[in-house]
Every structure is written in C-alpha cells, then in structure tokens.
Protein backbone atom coordinates (compact mmCIF):
# COMPACT_ATOMS: atom_id res chain seq x y z
CA MET A 1 -39.75 -4.58 -26.22
CA LYS A 2 -37.69 -4.52 -23.00
CA GLN A 3 -34.78 -2.12 -23.09
CA GLU A 4 -31.46 -3.19 -21.56
CA PRO A 5 -29.96 -0.73 -19.04
CA GLU A 6 -27.00 1.30 -20.20
CA GLU A 7 -23.66 -0.14 -19.18
CA SER A 8 -22.95 2.85 -16.91
CA HIS A 9 -26.08 2.00 -14.84
CA ILE A 10 -25.27 -1.67 -14.35
CA GLN A 11 -24.40 -2.36 -10.74
CA LEU A 12 -22.37 -5.52 -10.39
CA PHE A 13 -21.32 -4.85 -6.80
CA PRO A 14 -23.94 -3.62 -4.29
CA GLU A 15 -22.27 -0.27 -3.57
CA ASP A 16 -25.40 0.99 -1.75
CA ASP A 17 -25.05 -1.86 0.78
CA GLU A 18 -22.95 -0.23 3.53
CA GLU A 19 -22.20 -3.56 5.18
CA LYS A 20 -20.76 -5.08 1.98
CA MET A 21 -18.81 -1.90 1.17
CA ALA A 22 -17.34 -1.96 4.69
CA LEU A 23 -16.42 -5.64 4.28
CA LEU A 24 -14.78 -4.83 0.94
CA GLY A 25 -12.72 -2.15 2.68
CA ARG A 26 -11.67 -4.36 5.59
CA MET A 27 -10.63 -7.20 3.31
CA ALA A 28 -8.73 -4.88 0.96
CA GLN A 29 -6.97 -3.37 3.97
CA ILE A 30 -5.58 -6.76 4.98
CA GLY A 31 -4.34 -7.35 1.43
CA MET A 32 -6.97 -9.44 -0.34
CA THR A 33 -6.79 -9.02 -4.10
CA PRO A 34 -9.85 -8.44 -6.31
CA SER A 35 -9.53 -12.00 -7.61
CA GLN A 36 -9.75 -13.28 -4.01
CA LEU A 37 -12.56 -10.90 -3.07
CA CYS A 38 -14.78 -12.07 -5.91
CA TYR A 39 -15.29 -15.43 -4.19
CA LEU A 40 -16.21 -13.74 -0.93
CA PHE A 41 -18.91 -11.76 -2.74
CA GLU A 42 -20.01 -14.68 -4.93
CA MET A 43 -18.88 -13.09 -8.17
CA THR A 44 -16.66 -14.31 -10.95
CA PRO A 45 -13.23 -12.69 -11.31
CA ALA A 46 -14.46 -11.05 -14.53
CA GLN A 47 -17.47 -9.59 -12.73
CA MET A 48 -15.27 -8.17 -9.97
CA ARG A 49 -12.88 -6.61 -12.50
CA ARG A 50 -15.85 -5.13 -14.32
CA ALA A 51 -17.34 -3.77 -11.10
CA MET A 52 -14.00 -2.16 -10.23
CA SER A 53 -13.82 -0.52 -13.65
CA LEU A 54 -17.49 0.56 -13.96
CA GLN A 55 -18.29 1.51 -10.38
CA PRO A 56 -16.09 4.35 -9.08
CA LYS A 57 -17.28 3.90 -5.47
CA VAL A 58 -16.16 0.27 -5.48
CA HIS A 59 -12.82 1.14 -7.11
CA MET A 60 -12.15 3.93 -4.60
CA GLN A 61 -13.21 1.88 -1.57
CA TYR A 62 -10.85 -0.93 -2.54
CA HIS A 63 -7.81 1.22 -3.36
CA LYS A 64 -8.25 3.65 -0.47
CA ALA A 65 -8.57 0.81 2.05
CA ARG A 66 -5.60 -1.07 0.56
CA ALA A 67 -3.41 2.06 0.74
CA HIS A 68 -4.53 2.67 4.32
CA GLY A 69 -3.60 -0.89 5.31
CA ILE A 70 -0.15 -0.60 3.73
CA GLY A 71 0.37 2.73 5.47
CA GLN A 72 -0.55 1.31 8.87
CA VAL A 73 1.96 -1.50 8.49
CA MET A 74 4.76 0.58 6.99
CA GLU A 75 4.54 3.57 9.35
CA PRO A 76 6.29 1.83 12.28
CA PHE A 77 9.10 0.67 9.96
CA PHE A 78 9.48 4.20 8.59
CA ASN A 79 9.53 5.75 12.08
CA ALA A 80 12.02 3.19 13.34
CA ALA A 81 14.24 3.78 10.28
CA LYS A 82 14.12 7.54 10.88
CA SER A 83 15.23 7.01 14.47
CA GLY A 84 18.27 4.98 13.37
CA ASP A 85 17.12 1.35 13.50
CA ILE A 86 19.36 -0.26 10.85
CA GLN A 87 17.14 -3.32 10.33
CA ALA A 88 14.01 -1.19 9.90
CA GLY A 89 15.89 1.08 7.50
CA LYS A 90 17.07 -1.91 5.52
CA HIS A 91 13.55 -3.34 5.32
CA PHE A 92 11.99 -0.02 4.37
CA LEU A 93 14.54 0.74 1.66
CA GLN A 94 14.39 -2.75 0.17
CA ILE A 95 10.61 -3.17 0.23
CA ARG A 96 9.22 0.31 -0.31
CA ALA A 97 12.02 2.24 -1.99
CA GLY A 98 13.20 -0.52 -4.34
CA TRP A 99 16.73 -0.69 -2.96
CA SER A 100 18.21 -3.96 -4.18
CA GLY A 101 21.55 -3.84 -2.43
CA GLY A 102 22.69 -6.99 -0.66
CA GLY A 103 22.16 -7.28 3.07
CA GLU A 104 25.73 -6.67 4.18
CA ASP A 105 26.30 -3.91 1.61
CA LEU A 106 23.10 -2.12 2.62
CA GLU A 107 23.88 -2.38 6.31
CA ARG A 108 27.41 -1.08 5.73
CA GLU A 109 26.08 1.83 3.65
CA LEU A 110 23.50 2.73 6.29
CA GLN A 111 26.15 2.65 9.03
CA GLN A 112 28.49 4.76 6.88
CA ALA A 113 25.71 7.28 6.21
CA GLU A 114 24.98 7.45 9.95
CA SER A 115 28.64 8.10 10.80
CA GLU A 116 28.80 10.75 8.06
CA ARG A 117 25.68 12.36 9.51
CA LEU A 118 27.45 12.57 12.85
CA ARG A 119 30.54 14.11 11.16
CA GLY A 120 28.41 16.67 9.27
CA THR A 121 29.41 15.68 5.71
CA PRO A 122 26.99 16.54 2.85
CA ARG A 123 25.84 12.91 2.68
CA GLY A 124 25.45 12.94 6.44
CA GLN A 125 23.43 16.15 6.26
CA LEU A 126 21.15 14.48 3.72
CA MET A 127 20.74 11.53 6.11
CA ALA A 128 19.85 13.98 8.88
CA LEU A 129 17.17 15.54 6.66
CA VAL A 130 15.74 12.10 5.87
CA LYS A 131 15.65 11.32 9.59
CA GLY A 132 13.99 14.65 10.30
CA GLY A 133 16.93 15.94 12.28
C-alpha cells in the first residue's frame, strides 16, 4: 500500500528552483498579488495560498520582496517630506500614515507646523525631530 506524504512535506511551489524563487521575488516586488502570481506559475489560487501557508521559504520570499519594493518606492517620498516638500509630505502622510485630512487642510497644517518649527514652538520642535533636524 502506497503511503501519502505528510502534509508538511508536500511542495506545491518549487522552492528549490532558484530561478522560480527569484521570479517570485521580482514579481512580488513590483506588487503582484498571490492570486495574480498563481497564473504565472501555473497554479490555482488555492494552490498558491496553500504553498504560502505550508512553505515558509515561499512565504518569506514573497513578503520580504514585497516589503523591499514598497520601501524602494516610499523612501524618496519620505526623504523629500523630511526635507520640507509639502506635496511629498502630504502623499506620505495620506498613503503610509493613514492621515485622512483633506488636501487643503493637510497642506495648511503642514505649512503651520513648518512655521512653528521655525519659531521653536513645541509642535515645531516635534516637526524638527521628524525631519531629523
């Protein structure tokens, strides 16, 4: 009688194939979701989800690459915001920090915080710390 392999030994995604693991990383880095990646690797969405949950190397490759991609894109916005670029600050706060203030209100608040920083008020000192100054 043939014995089925234990679930922990099932390899749905070829994690030993360096070329496919590298492709997984590159595609995750540009923002492809697991449900999009499954078609690239000729898997069903359920198989890809299962591979991500049962194969730690696959899970880590995907999430590490995705985080790296986000970091590469967001770093210039963060640096520009730190140096006083109002539009970059607005984008960074709205997208990454969850700030939901309206455009004009946010811009006014950022300009007010900048002028307070120049005057040395507590809020301005906090702005200076955020900017690294």
